[in-house]
């Protein structure tokens, strides 16, 4: 079984001016596509070729050539699903849960933005929920690391690798993060809460 680059329901122009069509096309069509290609090459002819992407991620942390490409493919698929062409507000149940765990929607947004801004180097900022405690947390993960590997339930992510924003924002990671809030698919986030 070969993995494939997902066909997205959103077009390259759907995020302008936050992300240009050029930036989106590079991110999805070049960077994400490269992870898929490298993952398929790394597992071709092995027992991994018959596994799910999630099982590959959980079982290959000691094999960077496979883990990094598998996790980046999974992280990017998750990221695309977190995006909306239009501004949304969190549904009432999700908003209440955020207020319970962070004090307010504004406090959550500030903490998430701060963690995305201060993540050293490349990586991802995630909103996760503990499957046992039911409490949400904001976490920084470097490089390809994903909450999938640690048993947390991922709800929302922001890609803060430079390739996600450098065409449009250059080194202005803060501006990229600020624009993200106009494109969060809150309905998808709410649907992930157990």
Protein backbone atom coordinates (compact mmCIF):
# COMPACT_ATOMS: atom_id res chain seq x y z
CA UNK A 1 0.00 0.00 0.00
CA UNK A 2 1.44 3.35 -1.01
CA UNK A 3 0.52 6.52 0.82
CA UNK A 4 -0.83 9.44 -1.20
CA UNK A 5 -0.85 13.19 -0.93
CA UNK A 6 -4.40 14.14 0.07
CA UNK A 7 -6.59 16.04 -2.34
CA UNK A 8 -7.77 19.00 -0.30
CA UNK A 9 -11.27 20.47 -0.36
CA UNK A 10 -9.74 23.94 -0.26
CA UNK A 11 -7.99 25.69 -3.12
CA UNK A 12 -4.65 27.52 -3.15
CA UNK A 13 -6.37 30.92 -3.17
CA UNK A 14 -8.69 30.18 -0.23
CA UNK A 15 -6.30 31.53 2.42
CA UNK A 16 -5.25 34.82 0.87
CA UNK A 17 -3.99 37.21 2.10
CA UNK A 18 -2.79 35.12 5.07
CA UNK A 19 -1.15 32.62 2.74
CA UNK A 20 -0.74 33.23 -0.95
CA UNK A 21 -1.61 30.64 -3.58
CA UNK A 22 2.14 30.29 -4.19
CA UNK A 23 2.90 29.58 -0.54
CA UNK A 24 0.05 27.11 -0.25
CA UNK A 25 1.09 25.32 -3.46
CA UNK A 26 4.67 24.99 -2.21
CA UNK A 27 3.63 23.81 1.23
CA UNK A 28 1.15 21.19 0.03
CA UNK A 29 2.47 20.33 -3.42
CA UNK A 30 6.20 20.36 -2.68
CA UNK A 31 6.93 19.95 1.04
CA UNK A 32 4.07 17.64 2.02
CA UNK A 33 4.42 15.71 -1.24
CA UNK A 34 8.12 15.15 -0.53
CA UNK A 35 7.35 13.54 2.85
CA UNK A 36 4.90 11.17 1.17
CA UNK A 37 7.39 10.26 -1.56
CA UNK A 38 10.22 9.65 0.94
CA UNK A 39 7.96 7.61 3.23
CA UNK A 40 6.85 5.36 0.36
CA UNK A 41 10.46 4.86 -0.74
CA UNK A 42 11.54 3.99 2.82
CA UNK A 43 8.86 1.33 3.36
CA UNK A 44 8.61 -0.14 -0.14
CA UNK A 45 9.05 -3.92 -0.05
CA UNK A 46 8.92 -4.11 3.76
CA UNK A 47 6.23 -5.19 6.20
CA UNK A 48 5.67 -1.48 6.94
CA UNK A 49 4.12 -1.07 3.51
CA UNK A 50 1.04 -2.95 4.78
CA UNK A 51 0.67 -1.00 8.02
CA UNK A 52 -1.49 2.00 8.77
CA UNK A 53 0.23 5.36 8.98
CA UNK A 54 -0.60 5.54 12.70
CA UNK A 55 1.01 2.15 13.41
CA UNK A 56 4.12 3.13 11.48
CA UNK A 57 4.45 6.28 13.58
CA UNK A 58 3.94 4.42 16.85
CA UNK A 59 6.49 1.72 15.98
CA UNK A 60 9.34 3.59 14.29
CA UNK A 61 10.54 6.23 16.74
CA UNK A 62 13.99 4.59 16.62
CA UNK A 63 14.10 4.82 12.79
CA UNK A 64 14.22 8.51 11.82
CA UNK A 65 14.13 7.86 8.06
CA UNK A 66 10.71 6.29 8.40
CA UNK A 67 9.35 8.06 11.50
CA UNK A 68 10.10 11.62 10.37
CA UNK A 69 8.44 11.20 6.99
CA UNK A 70 5.46 9.25 8.35
CA UNK A 71 4.88 11.73 11.18
CA UNK A 72 5.25 14.73 8.89
CA UNK A 73 2.74 13.22 6.46
CA UNK A 74 0.29 12.62 9.32
CA UNK A 75 0.92 16.04 10.90
CA UNK A 76 0.33 17.82 7.61
CA UNK A 77 -2.89 15.90 6.88
CA UNK A 78 -4.09 16.90 10.34
CA UNK A 79 -3.04 20.52 9.78
CA UNK A 80 -4.97 20.84 6.51
CA UNK A 81 -8.07 19.58 8.31
CA UNK A 82 -7.63 22.32 10.92
CA UNK A 83 -8.03 25.06 8.31
CA UNK A 84 -11.08 26.87 6.99
CA UNK A 85 -11.34 29.38 4.17
CA UNK A 86 -13.76 31.43 6.28
CA UNK A 87 -13.53 32.74 9.82
CA UNK A 88 -15.38 30.57 12.34
CA UNK A 89 -16.17 30.78 16.03
CA UNK A 90 -15.80 27.78 18.36
CA UNK A 91 -19.11 25.93 18.90
CA UNK A 92 -20.60 26.49 22.39
CA UNK A 93 -19.51 23.14 23.85
CA UNK A 94 -15.92 23.56 22.70
CA UNK A 95 -15.85 27.17 23.87
CA UNK A 96 -17.01 26.08 27.33
CA UNK A 97 -14.31 23.40 27.51
CA UNK A 98 -11.64 25.92 26.48
CA UNK A 99 -12.88 28.37 29.11
CA UNK A 100 -12.84 25.59 31.72
CA UNK A 101 -9.22 24.64 30.99
CA UNK A 102 -7.70 28.01 30.06
CA UNK A 103 -9.92 30.61 31.74
CA UNK A 104 -11.14 32.23 28.54
CA UNK A 105 -10.94 31.92 24.77
CA UNK A 106 -8.63 34.93 24.74
CA UNK A 107 -6.29 33.35 27.31
CA UNK A 108 -6.21 30.12 25.30
CA UNK A 109 -5.44 31.96 22.09
CA UNK A 110 -2.65 33.96 23.77
CA UNK A 111 -1.04 30.86 25.29
CA UNK A 112 -1.27 28.92 22.02
CA UNK A 113 0.17 31.87 20.06
CA UNK A 114 2.97 32.37 22.60
CA UNK A 115 3.94 28.70 22.44
CA UNK A 116 3.90 28.76 18.64
CA UNK A 117 6.03 31.91 18.62
CA UNK A 118 8.58 30.65 21.16
CA UNK A 119 9.03 27.14 19.76
CA UNK A 120 12.75 27.04 19.03
CA UNK A 121 13.57 25.97 15.49
CA UNK A 122 11.01 24.01 13.52
CA UNK A 123 8.01 22.09 14.72
CA UNK A 124 4.35 22.14 15.66
CA UNK A 125 2.14 23.64 18.33
CA UNK A 126 -0.76 21.41 19.37
CA UNK A 127 -3.92 21.60 21.41
CA UNK A 128 -4.35 18.13 22.86
CA UNK A 129 -6.61 16.44 25.36
CA UNK A 130 -5.63 13.80 27.86
CA UNK A 131 -7.76 10.70 27.13
CA UNK A 132 -7.98 9.78 30.83
CA UNK A 133 -8.32 13.17 32.51
CA UNK A 134 -10.23 14.97 29.75
CA UNK A 135 -8.14 18.11 30.25
CA UNK A 136 -6.85 20.15 27.31
CA UNK A 137 -3.24 21.23 27.08
CA UNK A 138 -1.12 23.25 24.65
CA UNK A 139 2.12 21.53 23.72
CA UNK A 140 5.20 22.32 21.65
CA UNK A 141 6.69 19.52 19.56
CA UNK A 142 9.97 19.88 17.69
CA UNK A 143 10.54 18.70 14.15
CA UNK A 144 8.21 15.79 13.24
CA UNK A 145 7.21 14.80 16.76
CA UNK A 146 3.48 14.28 17.10
CA UNK A 147 1.08 13.75 20.02
CA UNK A 148 -0.08 10.61 18.25
CA UNK A 149 3.12 8.92 19.41
CA UNK A 150 2.53 9.85 23.08
CA UNK A 151 -1.10 8.82 23.41
CA UNK A 152 -2.57 12.32 23.64
CA UNK A 153 -5.64 13.10 21.54
CA UNK A 154 -4.79 15.91 19.10
CA UNK A 155 -7.45 18.58 18.56
CA UNK A 156 -5.72 21.46 16.74
CA UNK A 157 -2.28 22.13 15.33
CA UNK A 158 -0.27 24.92 13.73
CA UNK A 159 2.73 24.15 11.55
CA UNK A 160 5.55 26.50 12.54
CA UNK A 161 8.20 25.14 10.22
CA UNK A 162 9.58 28.03 8.16
CA UNK A 163 8.37 26.41 4.94
CA UNK A 164 4.79 27.00 6.17
CA UNK A 165 5.12 30.78 6.15
CA UNK A 166 8.41 32.08 4.77
CA UNK A 167 7.22 32.90 1.24
CA UNK A 168 4.61 35.35 2.53
CA UNK A 169 5.78 36.32 6.00
CA UNK A 170 9.55 35.93 5.73
CA UNK A 171 10.80 35.79 9.33
CA UNK A 172 7.57 37.25 10.78
CA UNK A 173 6.35 34.12 12.51
CA UNK A 174 4.18 36.27 14.77
CA UNK A 175 2.24 37.67 11.81
CA UNK A 176 1.72 34.17 10.43
CA UNK A 177 0.39 32.97 13.80
CA UNK A 178 -1.96 35.96 14.11
CA UNK A 179 -3.46 35.23 10.69
CA UNK A 180 -4.02 31.59 11.60
CA UNK A 181 -6.88 32.52 13.92
CA UNK A 182 -8.92 33.75 10.94
CA UNK A 183 -8.68 30.29 9.37
CA UNK A 184 -9.23 27.78 12.20
CA UNK A 185 -11.79 25.11 11.37
CA UNK A 186 -13.42 25.12 14.81
CA UNK A 187 -16.10 22.67 13.71
CA UNK A 188 -13.39 20.08 12.97
CA UNK A 189 -11.70 20.77 16.31
CA UNK A 190 -14.99 20.30 18.18
CA UNK A 191 -15.64 17.02 16.36
CA UNK A 192 -12.36 15.58 17.72
CA UNK A 193 -13.21 16.15 21.38
CA UNK A 194 -14.14 12.78 22.91
